[in-house]
Amino acid sequence: MSLSEHTTTFNIRSATATDIQNLNWALEVLACELGDKYRANTTILSDACLGPNATCFGLIAQKASRTIGAALVSPVFSTTNGSSGIYVSDLWVSASARGSGIGRALLRTSAKIGASKWKSEFVKLTVYADNTDAAQFYDRLGFSRAKRDRTCLLSGVELASLIGDAN
């Protein structure tokens, strides 16, 4: 499923094979801005977004063929909500384009695709505690903060141990 959104100032579309390099670049910039390590690359993103067992989709926002925004989105299911939803793992808008509606448009397009592909009924994302600008943006859109949630991550040696655990 592919949707696109056109305005007089920018265009948002589902990332295709020709967009993977720009998607990779945008997500790497996001990681750098947040002080995170970036371990993905074009091959990994291509497999994740476009491969036969795709686990997510990417969106690209462009203005005059220049990438100014991107999102990476995966399906989730919640028994608490009793429905599927989408998880926006990455949302980036270039510093020069912030405040122009691109972040909102990326989230709107993500939600439309999720509703069409998976009948999703909610959008979930995580914001770093020290990223006050992003938190304020999500607050303005009406996102609520789950007071009981804490993000937990298992990877590396610990994940390998769990997978290999015979018990």
N, C-alpha and C. Protein backbone atom coordinates (compact mmCIF):
# COMPACT_ATOMS: atom_id res chain seq x y z
N MET A 1 0.85 -1.18 0.00
CA MET A 1 0.00 0.00 0.00
C MET A 1 0.88 1.22 0.00
N SER A 2 0.58 2.13 -0.83
CA SER A 2 1.35 3.35 -0.90
C SER A 2 0.40 4.53 -0.99
N LEU A 3 0.64 5.48 -0.17
CA LEU A 3 -0.11 6.73 -0.21
C LEU A 3 0.87 7.85 -0.38
N SER A 4 0.42 8.93 -0.95
CA SER A 4 1.28 10.10 -1.00
C SER A 4 0.45 11.32 -0.68
N GLU A 5 1.11 12.33 -0.19
CA GLU A 5 0.46 13.59 0.16
C GLU A 5 1.24 14.70 -0.52
N HIS A 6 0.52 15.53 -1.24
CA HIS A 6 1.16 16.65 -1.93
C HIS A 6 0.61 17.95 -1.39
N THR A 7 1.48 18.88 -1.10
CA THR A 7 1.07 20.23 -0.77
C THR A 7 1.82 21.15 -1.73
N THR A 8 1.57 22.40 -1.62
CA THR A 8 2.27 23.33 -2.50
C THR A 8 3.73 23.47 -2.11
N THR A 9 4.10 23.02 -0.91
CA THR A 9 5.48 23.20 -0.47
C THR A 9 6.29 21.92 -0.32
N PHE A 10 5.62 20.78 -0.14
CA PHE A 10 6.37 19.53 0.02
C PHE A 10 5.53 18.35 -0.42
N ASN A 11 6.19 17.21 -0.62
CA ASN A 11 5.57 15.97 -1.05
C ASN A 11 5.99 14.86 -0.10
N ILE A 12 5.03 14.04 0.32
CA ILE A 12 5.32 12.87 1.15
C ILE A 12 4.87 11.63 0.40
N ARG A 13 5.74 10.62 0.39
CA ARG A 13 5.37 9.37 -0.29
C ARG A 13 6.02 8.19 0.42
N SER A 14 5.45 7.02 0.17
CA SER A 14 6.06 5.78 0.67
C SER A 14 7.41 5.60 0.01
N ALA A 15 8.38 5.19 0.81
CA ALA A 15 9.73 4.98 0.29
C ALA A 15 9.75 3.77 -0.63
N THR A 16 10.36 3.94 -1.79
CA THR A 16 10.57 2.86 -2.75
C THR A 16 12.05 2.53 -2.80
N ALA A 17 12.42 1.58 -3.63
CA ALA A 17 13.83 1.19 -3.75
C ALA A 17 14.71 2.38 -4.09
N THR A 18 14.21 3.30 -4.88
CA THR A 18 15.02 4.47 -5.25
C THR A 18 15.14 5.48 -4.11
N ASP A 19 14.32 5.33 -3.07
CA ASP A 19 14.36 6.25 -1.92
C ASP A 19 15.18 5.73 -0.75
N ILE A 20 15.59 4.49 -0.79
CA ILE A 20 16.25 3.88 0.38
C ILE A 20 17.50 4.65 0.79
N GLN A 21 18.27 5.12 -0.15
CA GLN A 21 19.48 5.88 0.20
C GLN A 21 19.11 7.16 0.94
N ASN A 22 18.08 7.87 0.48
CA ASN A 22 17.65 9.09 1.17
C ASN A 22 17.03 8.78 2.53
N LEU A 23 16.28 7.69 2.63
CA LEU A 23 15.71 7.28 3.91
C LEU A 23 16.84 6.96 4.89
N ASN A 24 17.82 6.22 4.45
CA ASN A 24 18.97 5.88 5.28
C ASN A 24 19.68 7.14 5.76
N TRP A 25 19.90 8.08 4.84
CA TRP A 25 20.56 9.33 5.19
C TRP A 25 19.77 10.09 6.26
N ALA A 26 18.46 10.24 6.07
CA ALA A 26 17.62 10.98 7.01
C ALA A 26 17.63 10.33 8.39
N LEU A 27 17.53 9.01 8.44
CA LEU A 27 17.51 8.32 9.73
C LEU A 27 18.87 8.37 10.42
N GLU A 28 19.93 8.40 9.63
CA GLU A 28 21.26 8.56 10.20
C GLU A 28 21.44 9.96 10.78
N VAL A 29 20.91 10.97 10.10
CA VAL A 29 20.95 12.34 10.63
C VAL A 29 20.18 12.41 11.95
N LEU A 30 19.00 11.78 12.00
CA LEU A 30 18.20 11.74 13.23
C LEU A 30 19.01 11.13 14.37
N ALA A 31 19.61 10.00 14.12
CA ALA A 31 20.41 9.32 15.15
C ALA A 31 21.53 10.24 15.64
N CYS A 32 22.19 10.90 14.72
CA CYS A 32 23.27 11.82 15.08
C CYS A 32 22.73 12.96 15.94
N GLU A 33 21.60 13.54 15.55
CA GLU A 33 21.00 14.64 16.31
C GLU A 33 20.63 14.22 17.73
N LEU A 34 20.23 12.96 17.89
CA LEU A 34 19.83 12.45 19.20
C LEU A 34 21.00 11.88 20.00
N GLY A 35 22.17 11.80 19.38
CA GLY A 35 23.33 11.22 20.04
C GLY A 35 23.29 9.71 20.10
N ASP A 36 22.54 9.09 19.19
CA ASP A 36 22.42 7.64 19.14
C ASP A 36 23.41 7.05 18.14
N LYS A 37 23.76 5.78 18.37
CA LYS A 37 24.53 5.05 17.36
C LYS A 37 23.59 4.72 16.22
N TYR A 38 24.12 4.62 15.02
CA TYR A 38 23.31 4.25 13.87
C TYR A 38 23.89 2.98 13.27
N ARG A 39 23.13 1.90 13.34
CA ARG A 39 23.63 0.61 12.90
C ARG A 39 22.95 0.11 11.63
N ALA A 40 21.94 0.83 11.17
CA ALA A 40 21.27 0.42 9.93
C ALA A 40 22.13 0.83 8.73
N ASN A 41 21.72 0.40 7.57
CA ASN A 41 22.35 0.81 6.32
C ASN A 41 21.32 0.58 5.21
N THR A 42 21.68 0.87 3.99
CA THR A 42 20.70 0.76 2.90
C THR A 42 20.22 -0.67 2.69
N THR A 43 21.09 -1.65 2.87
CA THR A 43 20.69 -3.05 2.70
C THR A 43 19.69 -3.46 3.78
N ILE A 44 19.99 -3.12 5.01
CA ILE A 44 19.10 -3.45 6.12
C ILE A 44 17.74 -2.78 5.95
N LEU A 45 17.75 -1.48 5.62
CA LEU A 45 16.48 -0.75 5.42
C LEU A 45 15.70 -1.29 4.24
N SER A 46 16.39 -1.62 3.17
CA SER A 46 15.71 -2.17 2.00
C SER A 46 15.01 -3.48 2.34
N ASP A 47 15.71 -4.37 3.04
CA ASP A 47 15.10 -5.63 3.46
C ASP A 47 13.92 -5.39 4.39
N ALA A 48 14.08 -4.48 5.35
CA ALA A 48 13.03 -4.23 6.34
C ALA A 48 11.79 -3.58 5.72
N CYS A 49 12.00 -2.66 4.79
CA CYS A 49 10.87 -1.91 4.20
C CYS A 49 10.30 -2.53 2.93
N LEU A 50 11.15 -3.20 2.16
CA LEU A 50 10.72 -3.62 0.82
C LEU A 50 10.90 -5.11 0.56
N GLY A 51 11.55 -5.82 1.46
CA GLY A 51 11.82 -7.23 1.24
C GLY A 51 10.55 -8.07 1.28
N PRO A 52 10.68 -9.36 0.94
CA PRO A 52 9.52 -10.24 0.91
C PRO A 52 8.84 -10.40 2.27
N ASN A 53 9.59 -10.21 3.33
CA ASN A 53 9.04 -10.28 4.69
C ASN A 53 9.18 -8.92 5.37
N ALA A 54 8.80 -7.87 4.67
CA ALA A 54 8.95 -6.50 5.19
C ALA A 54 8.30 -6.37 6.56
N THR A 55 9.01 -5.72 7.48
CA THR A 55 8.52 -5.54 8.84
C THR A 55 8.10 -4.11 9.13
N CYS A 56 8.28 -3.22 8.19
CA CYS A 56 7.94 -1.82 8.40
C CYS A 56 7.80 -1.13 7.04
N PHE A 57 7.46 0.14 7.09
CA PHE A 57 7.49 0.95 5.87
C PHE A 57 8.12 2.29 6.20
N GLY A 58 8.69 2.90 5.18
CA GLY A 58 9.31 4.20 5.35
C GLY A 58 8.55 5.24 4.55
N LEU A 59 8.61 6.46 5.03
CA LEU A 59 8.05 7.60 4.31
C LEU A 59 9.15 8.62 4.10
N ILE A 60 9.07 9.30 2.98
CA ILE A 60 10.02 10.35 2.63
C ILE A 60 9.24 11.63 2.37
N ALA A 61 9.69 12.73 2.96
CA ALA A 61 9.14 14.05 2.65
C ALA A 61 10.20 14.81 1.86
N GLN A 62 9.78 15.36 0.74
CA GLN A 62 10.72 16.10 -0.10
C GLN A 62 10.15 17.45 -0.51
N LYS A 63 11.06 18.37 -0.71
CA LYS A 63 10.74 19.68 -1.24
C LYS A 63 11.77 19.94 -2.33
N ALA A 64 11.30 20.13 -3.54
CA ALA A 64 12.20 20.36 -4.68
C ALA A 64 13.29 19.29 -4.74
N SER A 65 12.91 18.03 -4.63
CA SER A 65 13.77 16.84 -4.68
C SER A 65 14.81 16.77 -3.55
N ARG A 66 14.67 17.59 -2.53
CA ARG A 66 15.55 17.54 -1.36
C ARG A 66 14.79 16.88 -0.22
N THR A 67 15.39 15.87 0.41
CA THR A 67 14.76 15.17 1.53
C THR A 67 14.75 16.08 2.75
N ILE A 68 13.54 16.35 3.26
CA ILE A 68 13.40 17.23 4.42
C ILE A 68 12.67 16.55 5.57
N GLY A 69 12.28 15.28 5.39
CA GLY A 69 11.61 14.55 6.46
C GLY A 69 11.54 13.08 6.15
N ALA A 70 11.38 12.28 7.19
CA ALA A 70 11.28 10.83 7.02
C ALA A 70 10.61 10.21 8.24
N ALA A 71 10.01 9.05 8.03
CA ALA A 71 9.43 8.28 9.13
C ALA A 71 9.64 6.81 8.85
N LEU A 72 9.76 6.03 9.92
CA LEU A 72 9.86 4.59 9.84
C LEU A 72 8.78 4.03 10.76
N VAL A 73 7.91 3.17 10.22
CA VAL A 73 6.68 2.76 10.91
C VAL A 73 6.49 1.25 10.83
N SER A 74 6.07 0.64 11.94
CA SER A 74 5.82 -0.80 12.01
C SER A 74 4.44 -1.06 12.59
N PRO A 75 3.85 -2.22 12.28
CA PRO A 75 2.58 -2.57 12.91
C PRO A 75 2.79 -3.08 14.33
N VAL A 76 1.80 -2.86 15.18
CA VAL A 76 1.78 -3.42 16.53
C VAL A 76 0.35 -3.88 16.82
N PHE A 77 0.21 -4.71 17.82
CA PHE A 77 -1.13 -5.11 18.26
C PHE A 77 -1.19 -4.96 19.76
N SER A 78 -2.30 -4.46 20.27
CA SER A 78 -2.48 -4.25 21.69
C SER A 78 -3.74 -4.95 22.18
N THR A 79 -3.59 -5.84 23.14
CA THR A 79 -4.77 -6.46 23.74
C THR A 79 -5.49 -5.45 24.62
N THR A 80 -4.76 -4.49 25.18
CA THR A 80 -5.38 -3.44 25.99
C THR A 80 -6.33 -2.59 25.14
N ASN A 81 -5.88 -2.25 23.94
CA ASN A 81 -6.73 -1.48 23.02
C ASN A 81 -7.68 -2.38 22.24
N GLY A 82 -7.37 -3.65 22.17
CA GLY A 82 -8.20 -4.57 21.41
C GLY A 82 -8.13 -4.32 19.92
N SER A 83 -6.97 -3.82 19.47
CA SER A 83 -6.85 -3.51 18.05
C SER A 83 -5.38 -3.41 17.66
N SER A 84 -5.18 -3.34 16.35
CA SER A 84 -3.84 -3.10 15.84
C SER A 84 -3.58 -1.60 15.82
N GLY A 85 -2.32 -1.27 15.72
CA GLY A 85 -1.91 0.13 15.64
C GLY A 85 -0.61 0.22 14.89
N ILE A 86 -0.03 1.39 14.89
CA ILE A 86 1.29 1.56 14.29
C ILE A 86 2.24 2.10 15.35
N TYR A 87 3.50 1.72 15.22
CA TYR A 87 4.56 2.23 16.06
C TYR A 87 5.49 3.03 15.18
N VAL A 88 5.60 4.31 15.46
CA VAL A 88 6.50 5.18 14.72
C VAL A 88 7.83 5.17 15.47
N SER A 89 8.77 4.39 14.95
CA SER A 89 10.06 4.25 15.64
C SER A 89 10.99 5.42 15.34
N ASP A 90 10.81 6.05 14.19
CA ASP A 90 11.67 7.17 13.82
C ASP A 90 10.84 8.21 13.08
N LEU A 91 10.99 9.46 13.49
CA LEU A 91 10.33 10.59 12.82
C LEU A 91 11.33 11.73 12.80
N TRP A 92 11.69 12.19 11.60
CA TRP A 92 12.69 13.25 11.47
C TRP A 92 12.21 14.30 10.49
N VAL A 93 12.41 15.55 10.87
CA VAL A 93 12.19 16.69 9.99
C VAL A 93 13.45 17.54 10.07
N SER A 94 13.97 17.95 8.93
CA SER A 94 15.19 18.76 8.91
C SER A 94 14.97 20.03 9.72
N ALA A 95 16.03 20.51 10.35
CA ALA A 95 15.94 21.71 11.19
C ALA A 95 15.35 22.89 10.43
N SER A 96 15.71 23.02 9.16
CA SER A 96 15.23 24.16 8.37
C SER A 96 13.75 24.05 8.01
N ALA A 97 13.17 22.86 8.13
CA ALA A 97 11.76 22.66 7.75
C ALA A 97 10.84 22.47 8.95
N ARG A 98 11.38 22.47 10.16
CA ARG A 98 10.55 22.29 11.34
C ARG A 98 9.57 23.45 11.48
N GLY A 99 8.36 23.12 11.91
CA GLY A 99 7.33 24.13 12.07
C GLY A 99 6.50 24.37 10.83
N SER A 100 6.77 23.62 9.76
CA SER A 100 6.06 23.83 8.50
C SER A 100 4.97 22.78 8.25
N GLY A 101 4.70 21.91 9.22
CA GLY A 101 3.63 20.92 9.08
C GLY A 101 4.08 19.57 8.57
N ILE A 102 5.37 19.40 8.34
CA ILE A 102 5.86 18.14 7.78
C ILE A 102 5.74 16.99 8.79
N GLY A 103 6.08 17.22 10.04
CA GLY A 103 5.96 16.17 11.05
C GLY A 103 4.53 15.69 11.18
N ARG A 104 3.59 16.62 11.25
CA ARG A 104 2.17 16.27 11.32
C ARG A 104 1.75 15.50 10.08
N ALA A 105 2.19 15.94 8.91
CA ALA A 105 1.83 15.27 7.66
C ALA A 105 2.42 13.86 7.59
N LEU A 106 3.65 13.69 8.09
CA LEU A 106 4.25 12.35 8.13
C LEU A 106 3.45 11.43 9.04
N LEU A 107 3.04 11.93 10.20
CA LEU A 107 2.23 11.12 11.11
C LEU A 107 0.86 10.82 10.52
N ARG A 108 0.24 11.80 9.87
CA ARG A 108 -1.07 11.59 9.23
C ARG A 108 -0.97 10.53 8.14
N THR A 109 0.04 10.62 7.30
CA THR A 109 0.22 9.63 6.23
C THR A 109 0.50 8.26 6.82
N SER A 110 1.32 8.20 7.87
CA SER A 110 1.59 6.93 8.55
C SER A 110 0.30 6.30 9.06
N ALA A 111 -0.53 7.12 9.72
CA ALA A 111 -1.80 6.63 10.27
C ALA A 111 -2.74 6.14 9.16
N LYS A 112 -2.78 6.85 8.05
CA LYS A 112 -3.63 6.44 6.93
C LYS A 112 -3.17 5.10 6.36
N ILE A 113 -1.87 4.94 6.18
CA ILE A 113 -1.35 3.68 5.65
C ILE A 113 -1.63 2.55 6.65
N GLY A 114 -1.37 2.80 7.94
CA GLY A 114 -1.64 1.79 8.97
C GLY A 114 -3.10 1.37 8.99
N ALA A 115 -3.99 2.34 8.88
CA ALA A 115 -5.43 2.02 8.87
C ALA A 115 -5.80 1.19 7.65
N SER A 116 -5.20 1.51 6.53
CA SER A 116 -5.50 0.79 5.29
C SER A 116 -4.90 -0.62 5.29
N LYS A 117 -3.64 -0.74 5.73
CA LYS A 117 -2.95 -2.04 5.69
C LYS A 117 -3.35 -2.98 6.81
N TRP A 118 -3.49 -2.43 8.03
CA TRP A 118 -3.66 -3.28 9.21
C TRP A 118 -4.88 -2.92 10.05
N LYS A 119 -5.72 -2.05 9.54
CA LYS A 119 -6.89 -1.57 10.30
C LYS A 119 -6.47 -0.97 11.64
N SER A 120 -5.33 -0.30 11.65
CA SER A 120 -4.81 0.25 12.90
C SER A 120 -5.72 1.35 13.44
N GLU A 121 -5.81 1.39 14.76
CA GLU A 121 -6.69 2.33 15.44
C GLU A 121 -5.94 3.24 16.41
N PHE A 122 -4.62 3.11 16.47
CA PHE A 122 -3.84 4.00 17.34
C PHE A 122 -2.43 4.15 16.80
N VAL A 123 -1.78 5.21 17.25
CA VAL A 123 -0.39 5.49 16.91
C VAL A 123 0.39 5.51 18.21
N LYS A 124 1.48 4.76 18.24
CA LYS A 124 2.33 4.70 19.41
C LYS A 124 3.73 5.16 19.01
N LEU A 125 4.38 5.87 19.89
CA LEU A 125 5.76 6.28 19.66
C LEU A 125 6.42 6.53 21.00
N THR A 126 7.71 6.69 20.98
CA THR A 126 8.49 6.98 22.18
C THR A 126 9.24 8.27 21.94
N VAL A 127 9.29 9.10 22.96
CA VAL A 127 10.06 10.35 22.88
C VAL A 127 11.06 10.35 24.03
N TYR A 128 12.29 10.73 23.73
CA TYR A 128 13.31 10.79 24.78
C TYR A 128 12.93 11.85 25.81
N ALA A 129 13.18 11.56 27.07
CA ALA A 129 12.82 12.47 28.16
C ALA A 129 13.49 13.84 27.99
N ASP A 130 14.67 13.88 27.42
CA ASP A 130 15.37 15.16 27.27
C ASP A 130 15.08 15.86 25.94
N ASN A 131 14.20 15.31 25.12
CA ASN A 131 13.86 15.92 23.84
C ASN A 131 12.57 16.74 24.01
N THR A 132 12.69 17.88 24.66
CA THR A 132 11.52 18.68 25.01
C THR A 132 10.80 19.23 23.78
N ASP A 133 11.54 19.58 22.74
CA ASP A 133 10.88 20.09 21.52
C ASP A 133 9.96 19.04 20.92
N ALA A 134 10.46 17.80 20.83
CA ALA A 134 9.63 16.72 20.28
C ALA A 134 8.45 16.44 21.20
N ALA A 135 8.68 16.42 22.50
CA ALA A 135 7.59 16.16 23.45
C ALA A 135 6.51 17.23 23.33
N GLN A 136 6.90 18.47 23.18
CA GLN A 136 5.92 19.55 23.02
C GLN A 136 5.15 19.40 21.71
N PHE A 137 5.83 18.99 20.65
CA PHE A 137 5.17 18.75 19.37
C PHE A 137 4.10 17.67 19.52
N TYR A 138 4.44 16.55 20.15
CA TYR A 138 3.48 15.46 20.34
C TYR A 138 2.34 15.90 21.26
N ASP A 139 2.65 16.69 22.26
CA ASP A 139 1.60 17.22 23.15
C ASP A 139 0.60 18.06 22.34
N ARG A 140 1.11 18.93 21.47
CA ARG A 140 0.23 19.79 20.65
C ARG A 140 -0.68 18.97 19.76
N LEU A 141 -0.21 17.81 19.31
CA LEU A 141 -1.04 16.94 18.46
C LEU A 141 -2.07 16.17 19.26
N GLY A 142 -1.92 16.13 20.58
CA GLY A 142 -2.88 15.42 21.42
C GLY A 142 -2.43 14.06 21.91
N PHE A 143 -1.16 13.70 21.70
CA PHE A 143 -0.65 12.44 22.23
C PHE A 143 -0.72 12.49 23.76
N SER A 144 -1.09 11.38 24.37
CA SER A 144 -1.05 11.28 25.83
C SER A 144 0.17 10.46 26.21
N ARG A 145 0.69 10.75 27.36
CA ARG A 145 1.86 10.01 27.84
C ARG A 145 1.40 8.91 28.79
N ALA A 146 1.79 7.71 28.47
CA ALA A 146 1.41 6.56 29.30
C ALA A 146 2.24 6.60 30.58
N LYS A 147 1.58 6.76 31.68
CA LYS A 147 2.30 6.90 32.96
C LYS A 147 2.91 5.58 33.43
N ARG A 148 2.31 4.46 33.04
CA ARG A 148 2.79 3.16 33.50
C ARG A 148 3.84 2.55 32.59
N ASP A 149 3.95 3.03 31.36
CA ASP A 149 4.88 2.42 30.40
C ASP A 149 6.33 2.80 30.69
N ARG A 150 7.17 1.84 30.50
CA ARG A 150 8.61 2.05 30.48
C ARG A 150 9.15 1.19 29.34
N THR A 151 9.89 1.81 28.47
CA THR A 151 10.45 1.07 27.35
C THR A 151 11.54 0.14 27.86
N CYS A 152 11.48 -1.12 27.47
CA CYS A 152 12.49 -2.12 27.83
C CYS A 152 13.04 -2.70 26.53
N LEU A 153 14.31 -3.00 26.52
CA LEU A 153 14.96 -3.50 25.32
C LEU A 153 15.87 -4.65 25.67
N LEU A 154 15.77 -5.72 24.93
CA LEU A 154 16.66 -6.87 25.08
C LEU A 154 17.34 -7.09 23.74
N SER A 155 18.66 -7.08 23.72
CA SER A 155 19.40 -7.26 22.46
C SER A 155 20.77 -7.84 22.77
N GLY A 156 21.55 -8.02 21.72
CA GLY A 156 22.92 -8.48 21.86
C GLY A 156 23.05 -9.82 22.53
N VAL A 157 24.01 -9.93 23.43
CA VAL A 157 24.33 -11.18 24.12
C VAL A 157 23.12 -11.66 24.92
N GLU A 158 22.41 -10.73 25.55
CA GLU A 158 21.27 -11.10 26.38
C GLU A 158 20.16 -11.72 25.53
N LEU A 159 19.91 -11.16 24.36
CA LEU A 159 18.91 -11.74 23.45
C LEU A 159 19.37 -13.09 22.95
N ALA A 160 20.62 -13.20 22.58
CA ALA A 160 21.17 -14.48 22.11
C ALA A 160 21.03 -15.54 23.21
N SER A 161 21.27 -15.14 24.45
CA SER A 161 21.12 -16.07 25.57
C SER A 161 19.68 -16.52 25.72
N LEU A 162 18.75 -15.60 25.60
CA LEU A 162 17.33 -15.96 25.70
C LEU A 162 16.93 -16.91 24.58
N ILE A 163 17.34 -16.60 23.37
CA ILE A 163 17.00 -17.44 22.22
C ILE A 163 17.59 -18.84 22.38
N GLY A 164 18.81 -18.90 22.89
CA GLY A 164 19.49 -20.18 23.04
C GLY A 164 19.13 -20.92 24.32
N ASP A 165 18.35 -20.29 25.19
CA ASP A 165 17.99 -20.89 26.48
C ASP A 165 17.08 -22.08 26.25
N ALA A 166 17.51 -23.24 26.72
CA ALA A 166 16.74 -24.47 26.55
C ALA A 166 15.62 -24.62 27.57
N ASN A 167 15.63 -23.79 28.60
CA ASN A 167 14.62 -23.90 29.65
C ASN A 167 13.39 -23.27 29.23
